[in-house]
Amino acid sequence: MRGNAFEAKVKADGGTELMRLLSERLSGQSPPPASGEVLVPDLSAAGPEGRTARTALALREATEARAWALLDHPLLALEVAGSPAYLEPDAVVVRPDGRWTVVEIKSFPMIDGSADAAKVGAAARQAAVYVLALERVALHTAGAEVADRVLLVCPKDFSNLPAASVVDVRKQLSVTRRQLARLTRIEDIAAGLPEGTTFDLGHCSGEELTAAVESVAAAYAPECLSACELAFHCRHRARAEGAVETLGRGVRGELGGLTTVGAVLAAAHGGAGDPADPTVSALRRAAALRAEALAAAGASGAPADGAVDGSGPAVSAIGSANEAVTCR
């Protein structure tokens, strides 16, 4: 509720305050436009395809008119792995010179001119996706240019007054482009499925639906539990296969070619693995430290937990792998 109220305050009176902030941060000495000079087009339409088309039309009309325009919650489309994803930024401002600027309005405070770095980073990544979607529209609009700096608007200090900061998203744009290019297209995934596979809830039984889900490889990580309704299913499969992904992306990244819990434990205890491999060497050193700590704890009668100060990914992987075997 607080976020919605703050956003409404920023956009009130035809975006007068928003335009003032944008002119102050991005236009140098240029005065902000008067409220009557800013076009606020109606973006309502039927369905996401209609709203996307209406947004693209409004962007083109404002650019051709060489006028200031404020698009409130426009809808953009971005192709992700061959399928359209619909995106809704807080606002997009069109300037008379044809530049389009993404505006992100957040409810976290900006204290003494700076905000929480993690939250600003998340906002920058989010805005970068909007910029990529806008670039698709700009390709078909003469004289249009999408700015690679976005305007982040937040409450000032502990008040409800808006403050703004310019965020350069060039790095986030580069990373997002690379990630999108590496995604496997839906058509390629569908081509590898058995003939007749369907996920239509209305035309298949529970057994058929289970078989269809099982035919798709699971890519599980613990954070999936907070975002995907199939996370428990994928976790069960990952645990049954002994996949190290169940221990977290950080541990998985440190283990290199060791992809199962069994392989990690075998490498750590000398049953497998190349001793010249840095990962195997670190695991064996970590296993030795753990054994020494447990032996010392047993001899002194002290609890084993926290008996060794050996930290780092290898020690963590050994402990996590042993716990994973116990849990299974």
Protein backbone atom coordinates (compact mmCIF):
# COMPACT_ATOMS: atom_id res chain seq x y z
CA MET A 1 0.00 0.00 0.00
CA ARG A 2 2.80 2.42 0.91
CA GLY A 3 4.51 1.71 -2.42
CA ASN A 4 1.33 2.33 -4.41
CA ALA A 5 0.65 5.58 -2.55
CA PHE A 6 4.20 6.79 -3.15
CA GLU A 7 4.03 5.94 -6.87
CA ALA A 8 0.73 7.81 -7.19
CA LYS A 9 2.31 10.84 -5.51
CA VAL A 10 5.25 10.81 -7.93
CA LYS A 11 2.97 10.63 -10.99
CA ALA A 12 0.33 13.09 -9.76
CA ASP A 13 -0.65 16.16 -11.80
CA GLY A 14 0.42 14.66 -15.08
CA GLY A 15 3.80 13.64 -13.71
CA THR A 16 4.89 17.16 -12.80
CA GLU A 17 7.15 16.04 -9.96
CA LEU A 18 8.53 13.15 -11.99
CA MET A 19 9.41 15.46 -14.86
CA ARG A 20 11.11 17.85 -12.45
CA LEU A 21 13.25 15.02 -11.09
CA LEU A 22 14.09 13.75 -14.57
CA SER A 23 15.07 17.23 -15.80
CA GLU A 24 17.13 17.81 -12.68
CA ARG A 25 19.05 14.53 -13.02
CA LEU A 26 19.23 13.95 -16.77
CA SER A 27 18.66 17.23 -18.59
CA GLY A 28 21.30 19.43 -17.03
CA GLN A 29 20.23 23.07 -17.07
CA SER A 30 17.10 22.50 -19.16
CA PRO A 31 13.92 23.51 -17.34
CA PRO A 32 11.27 20.84 -16.75
CA PRO A 33 8.23 20.90 -19.02
CA ALA A 34 5.01 22.42 -17.75
CA SER A 35 2.26 19.97 -16.85
CA GLY A 36 0.23 20.95 -19.93
CA GLU A 37 3.19 20.18 -22.20
CA VAL A 38 3.40 16.52 -21.20
CA LEU A 39 1.32 14.01 -23.13
CA VAL A 40 -0.16 11.20 -21.04
CA PRO A 41 -1.60 8.77 -23.59
CA ASP A 42 -4.29 6.25 -22.75
CA LEU A 43 -2.68 2.81 -22.96
CA SER A 44 -5.75 0.71 -22.26
CA ALA A 45 -6.55 -2.09 -24.73
CA ALA A 46 -7.92 -5.62 -24.77
CA GLY A 47 -5.47 -8.33 -23.73
CA PRO A 48 -1.68 -8.21 -23.44
CA GLU A 49 -1.18 -8.18 -27.21
CA GLY A 50 -3.50 -5.18 -27.53
CA ARG A 51 -1.82 -3.29 -24.70
CA THR A 52 1.62 -4.01 -26.18
CA ALA A 53 0.54 -2.71 -29.59
CA ARG A 54 -1.06 0.37 -28.00
CA THR A 55 2.16 1.10 -26.08
CA ALA A 56 4.26 0.82 -29.26
CA LEU A 57 1.87 3.17 -31.07
CA ALA A 58 2.02 5.74 -28.25
CA LEU A 59 5.82 5.65 -28.25
CA ARG A 60 5.94 6.22 -32.01
CA GLU A 61 3.39 9.04 -31.92
CA ALA A 62 5.20 10.87 -29.12
CA THR A 63 8.56 10.49 -30.87
CA GLU A 64 7.20 11.77 -34.19
CA ALA A 65 5.55 14.72 -32.43
CA ARG A 66 8.87 15.66 -30.77
CA ALA A 67 6.99 16.15 -27.52
CA TRP A 68 7.33 15.23 -23.88
CA ALA A 69 5.24 12.15 -23.02
CA LEU A 70 4.71 10.09 -19.89
CA LEU A 71 3.63 6.49 -20.42
CA ASP A 72 2.15 5.23 -17.17
CA HIS A 73 2.57 1.46 -16.79
CA PRO A 74 3.14 0.66 -20.47
CA LEU A 75 3.21 -2.99 -21.51
CA LEU A 76 6.24 -4.29 -23.42
CA ALA A 77 7.04 -7.65 -24.96
CA LEU A 78 10.41 -9.41 -24.91
CA GLU A 79 11.18 -12.72 -26.55
CA VAL A 80 12.56 -15.21 -24.02
CA ALA A 81 13.63 -18.59 -25.40
CA GLY A 82 11.29 -18.14 -28.36
CA SER A 83 8.23 -17.19 -26.32
CA PRO A 84 6.93 -13.65 -25.60
CA ALA A 85 7.23 -12.37 -22.03
CA TYR A 86 5.15 -9.32 -21.12
CA LEU A 87 6.76 -6.63 -18.98
CA GLU A 88 5.25 -3.61 -17.24
CA PRO A 89 7.67 -0.87 -16.13
CA ASP A 90 6.44 1.82 -13.75
CA ALA A 91 6.83 4.50 -16.40
CA VAL A 92 8.63 5.45 -19.60
CA VAL A 93 9.36 9.09 -20.44
CA VAL A 94 9.72 10.24 -24.05
CA ARG A 95 11.73 13.44 -24.52
CA PRO A 96 11.48 15.88 -27.45
CA ASP A 97 14.86 14.70 -28.75
CA GLY A 98 13.46 11.18 -29.21
CA ARG A 99 15.15 9.60 -26.19
CA TRP A 100 13.15 7.08 -24.16
CA THR A 101 13.98 6.74 -20.46
CA VAL A 102 12.81 3.96 -18.14
CA VAL A 103 11.63 5.12 -14.71
CA GLU A 104 11.59 2.74 -11.74
CA ILE A 105 9.71 3.87 -8.62
CA LYS A 106 10.59 1.98 -5.44
CA SER A 107 9.42 2.31 -1.84
CA PHE A 108 12.79 1.71 -0.16
CA PRO A 109 14.35 4.96 1.15
CA MET A 110 17.21 6.97 -0.31
CA ILE A 111 19.09 8.23 2.76
CA ASP A 112 21.59 11.05 2.30
CA GLY A 113 21.47 10.50 -1.46
CA SER A 114 22.15 6.75 -1.44
CA ALA A 115 20.05 3.61 -1.05
CA ASP A 116 20.68 -0.01 -0.12
CA ALA A 117 23.15 -1.38 -2.68
CA ALA A 118 21.47 -4.78 -3.00
CA LYS A 119 18.07 -3.22 -3.65
CA VAL A 120 19.49 -0.75 -6.16
CA GLY A 121 21.24 -3.64 -7.93
CA ALA A 122 17.97 -5.58 -8.15
CA ALA A 123 16.20 -2.50 -9.52
CA ALA A 124 18.97 -2.03 -12.10
CA ARG A 125 18.64 -5.63 -13.32
CA GLN A 126 14.88 -5.22 -13.55
CA ALA A 127 15.18 -1.95 -15.46
CA ALA A 128 17.72 -3.46 -17.87
CA VAL A 129 15.11 -5.98 -19.02
CA TYR A 130 12.70 -3.10 -19.71
CA VAL A 131 15.39 -1.32 -21.72
CA LEU A 132 15.93 -4.42 -23.86
CA ALA A 133 12.19 -4.65 -24.55
CA LEU A 134 12.06 -0.96 -25.48
CA GLU A 135 14.95 -1.40 -27.90
CA ARG A 136 12.80 -3.79 -29.95
CA VAL A 137 10.19 -1.05 -30.41
CA ALA A 138 12.84 1.62 -31.08
CA LEU A 139 14.19 -0.42 -34.01
CA HIS A 140 10.95 0.32 -35.85
CA THR A 141 10.65 3.97 -34.77
CA ALA A 142 12.53 6.65 -36.70
CA GLY A 143 14.51 9.02 -34.51
CA ALA A 144 14.06 6.97 -31.33
CA GLU A 145 16.87 6.13 -28.91
CA VAL A 146 16.59 4.15 -25.68
CA ALA A 147 18.71 5.54 -22.84
CA ASP A 148 21.04 3.12 -21.07
CA ARG A 149 20.67 5.17 -17.89
CA VAL A 150 17.42 4.83 -15.96
CA LEU A 151 15.83 7.08 -13.35
CA LEU A 152 15.35 5.47 -9.94
CA VAL A 153 12.85 7.33 -7.73
CA CYS A 154 12.65 6.57 -3.99
CA PRO A 155 11.38 8.28 -0.82
CA LYS A 156 13.85 10.84 0.51
CA ASP A 157 15.31 9.91 3.91
CA PHE A 158 12.37 8.92 6.14
CA SER A 159 9.76 11.13 4.49
CA ASN A 160 7.32 10.53 1.65
CA LEU A 161 9.01 13.13 -0.55
CA PRO A 162 10.48 11.73 -3.78
CA ALA A 163 14.19 11.78 -4.55
CA ALA A 164 15.85 10.48 -7.70
CA SER A 165 19.10 8.94 -8.78
CA VAL A 166 20.45 8.01 -12.21
CA VAL A 167 21.48 4.37 -12.56
CA ASP A 168 23.76 3.22 -15.39
CA VAL A 169 22.51 -0.21 -16.55
CA ARG A 170 25.03 -0.94 -19.33
CA LYS A 171 26.61 -3.77 -17.35
CA GLN A 172 23.21 -5.32 -16.58
CA LEU A 173 22.23 -4.99 -20.25
CA SER A 174 25.33 -6.89 -21.34
CA VAL A 175 24.75 -9.68 -18.82
CA THR A 176 21.05 -10.00 -19.66
CA ARG A 177 21.70 -10.12 -23.41
CA ARG A 178 24.24 -12.89 -22.87
CA GLN A 179 21.88 -14.86 -20.63
CA LEU A 180 18.98 -14.56 -23.09
CA ALA A 181 21.20 -15.71 -25.96
CA ARG A 182 22.20 -18.85 -24.01
CA LEU A 183 18.65 -19.93 -23.17
CA THR A 184 17.40 -23.07 -24.86
CA ARG A 185 14.43 -22.29 -27.08
CA ILE A 186 11.07 -23.85 -26.19
CA GLU A 187 10.91 -25.43 -29.66
CA ASP A 188 14.19 -27.26 -29.02
CA ILE A 189 12.96 -28.54 -25.64
CA ALA A 190 9.64 -29.66 -27.16
CA ALA A 191 11.45 -31.47 -30.00
CA GLY A 192 13.22 -33.70 -27.48
CA LEU A 193 10.01 -34.86 -25.77
CA PRO A 194 8.30 -38.16 -26.60
CA GLU A 195 5.65 -38.04 -29.31
CA GLY A 196 2.24 -37.04 -27.95
CA THR A 197 3.51 -35.48 -24.71
CA THR A 198 1.04 -32.93 -23.34
CA PHE A 199 0.67 -30.87 -20.18
CA ASP A 200 -2.99 -30.06 -20.79
CA LEU A 201 -4.73 -30.60 -17.44
CA GLY A 202 -8.10 -31.01 -19.12
CA HIS A 203 -7.11 -33.79 -21.51
CA CYS A 204 -4.81 -36.12 -19.60
CA SER A 205 -4.99 -38.27 -16.49
CA GLY A 206 -2.85 -37.87 -13.40
CA GLU A 207 -0.60 -40.71 -14.53
CA GLU A 208 -0.17 -39.18 -17.99
CA LEU A 209 0.60 -35.78 -16.49
CA THR A 210 3.17 -37.31 -14.13
CA ALA A 211 4.84 -39.09 -17.05
CA ALA A 212 4.92 -35.85 -19.04
CA VAL A 213 6.58 -33.96 -16.19
CA GLU A 214 9.09 -36.79 -15.68
CA SER A 215 10.08 -36.57 -19.35
CA VAL A 216 11.51 -33.06 -18.81
CA ALA A 217 14.89 -32.75 -17.11
CA ALA A 218 14.75 -30.97 -13.74
CA ALA A 219 17.17 -28.12 -12.99
CA TYR A 220 16.69 -27.73 -9.24
CA ALA A 221 18.18 -25.16 -6.85
CA PRO A 222 17.02 -24.40 -3.28
CA GLU A 223 15.75 -20.96 -4.27
CA CYS A 224 13.23 -22.66 -6.57
CA LEU A 225 11.15 -23.44 -3.46
CA SER A 226 10.08 -19.82 -3.20
CA ALA A 227 9.10 -19.36 -6.84
CA CYS A 228 7.98 -22.60 -8.54
CA GLU A 229 5.10 -24.93 -7.78
CA LEU A 230 7.10 -27.88 -9.16
CA ALA A 231 10.06 -27.24 -6.85
CA PHE A 232 9.25 -30.10 -4.44
CA HIS A 233 8.94 -32.53 -7.35
CA CYS A 234 12.29 -31.43 -8.81
CA ARG A 235 13.94 -31.53 -5.38
CA HIS A 236 12.77 -35.11 -4.89
CA ARG A 237 14.25 -36.09 -8.26
CA ALA A 238 17.52 -34.26 -7.55
CA ARG A 239 17.85 -35.97 -4.17
CA ALA A 240 17.08 -39.38 -5.65
CA GLU A 241 19.85 -38.83 -8.21
CA GLY A 242 22.26 -37.53 -5.55
CA ALA A 243 22.69 -34.26 -7.47
CA VAL A 244 24.87 -31.66 -5.75
CA GLU A 245 22.45 -28.93 -6.87
CA THR A 246 20.43 -29.75 -3.73
CA LEU A 247 23.26 -28.21 -1.69
CA GLY A 248 22.94 -24.80 -3.40
CA ARG A 249 24.39 -23.03 -6.43
CA GLY A 250 27.43 -21.81 -4.49
CA VAL A 251 28.51 -25.32 -3.50
CA ARG A 252 27.69 -26.64 -6.99
CA GLY A 253 29.88 -23.99 -8.57
CA GLU A 254 32.87 -24.92 -6.40
CA LEU A 255 32.69 -28.65 -7.15
CA GLY A 256 33.49 -28.46 -10.85
CA GLY A 257 33.00 -31.83 -12.57
CA LEU A 258 31.79 -33.59 -9.42
CA THR A 259 28.05 -33.65 -10.02
CA THR A 260 26.78 -36.13 -7.40
CA VAL A 261 27.03 -36.35 -3.62
CA GLY A 262 28.51 -39.83 -3.95
CA ALA A 263 31.27 -38.57 -6.23
CA VAL A 264 32.08 -35.76 -3.79
CA LEU A 265 32.40 -38.13 -0.82
CA ALA A 266 34.41 -40.65 -2.84
CA ALA A 267 36.82 -37.91 -3.94
CA ALA A 268 37.09 -36.56 -0.40
CA HIS A 269 37.91 -39.95 1.12
CA GLY A 270 40.34 -41.07 -1.59
CA GLY A 271 38.07 -43.57 -3.31
CA ALA A 272 38.01 -41.72 -6.63
CA GLY A 273 39.17 -38.58 -8.35
CA ASP A 274 42.45 -37.24 -9.70
CA PRO A 275 44.70 -36.01 -6.87
CA ALA A 276 46.06 -33.35 -9.24
CA ASP A 277 42.56 -31.86 -9.58
CA PRO A 278 42.41 -28.75 -7.33
CA THR A 279 38.82 -29.55 -6.36
CA VAL A 280 39.69 -33.11 -5.33
CA SER A 281 42.77 -31.90 -3.45
CA ALA A 282 40.71 -29.30 -1.55
CA LEU A 283 38.05 -31.88 -0.68
CA ARG A 284 40.64 -34.30 0.72
CA ARG A 285 42.24 -31.56 2.77
CA ALA A 286 38.81 -30.57 4.07
CA ALA A 287 38.00 -34.20 4.92
CA ALA A 288 41.26 -34.48 6.87
CA LEU A 289 40.52 -31.29 8.81
CA ARG A 290 37.03 -32.53 9.59
CA ALA A 291 38.35 -35.88 10.83
CA GLU A 292 40.91 -34.14 13.04
CA ALA A 293 38.24 -31.85 14.47
CA LEU A 294 35.90 -34.76 15.25
CA ALA A 295 38.74 -36.73 16.85
CA ALA A 296 39.77 -33.75 18.98
CA ALA A 297 36.18 -33.11 20.02
CA GLY A 298 35.74 -36.74 20.99
CA ALA A 299 38.92 -36.77 23.06
CA SER A 300 38.05 -33.59 24.95
CA GLY A 301 34.37 -34.34 25.36
CA ALA A 302 33.50 -31.04 23.65
CA PRO A 303 30.69 -30.92 21.09
CA ALA A 304 31.79 -31.52 17.52
CA ASP A 305 29.88 -28.55 16.10
CA GLY A 306 32.19 -25.62 15.50
CA ALA A 307 35.24 -27.60 16.65
CA VAL A 308 37.28 -26.50 13.68
CA ASP A 309 37.69 -23.06 12.23
CA GLY A 310 38.23 -24.54 8.78
CA SER A 311 35.85 -22.66 6.56
CA GLY A 312 35.49 -22.23 2.84
CA PRO A 313 33.69 -24.07 0.08
CA ALA A 314 35.51 -27.40 0.43
CA VAL A 315 34.76 -27.79 4.15
CA SER A 316 31.21 -26.66 3.54
CA ALA A 317 30.81 -29.15 0.72
CA ILE A 318 32.03 -32.04 2.88
CA GLY A 319 29.62 -31.18 5.68
CA SER A 320 26.73 -30.59 3.31
CA ALA A 321 27.40 -33.81 1.40
CA ASN A 322 27.46 -35.88 4.59
CA GLU A 323 24.24 -34.24 5.74
CA ALA A 324 22.64 -34.91 2.37
CA VAL A 325 23.48 -38.60 2.61
CA THR A 326 22.04 -38.71 6.13
CA CYS A 327 18.82 -36.96 5.06
CA ARG A 328 18.31 -39.37 2.22
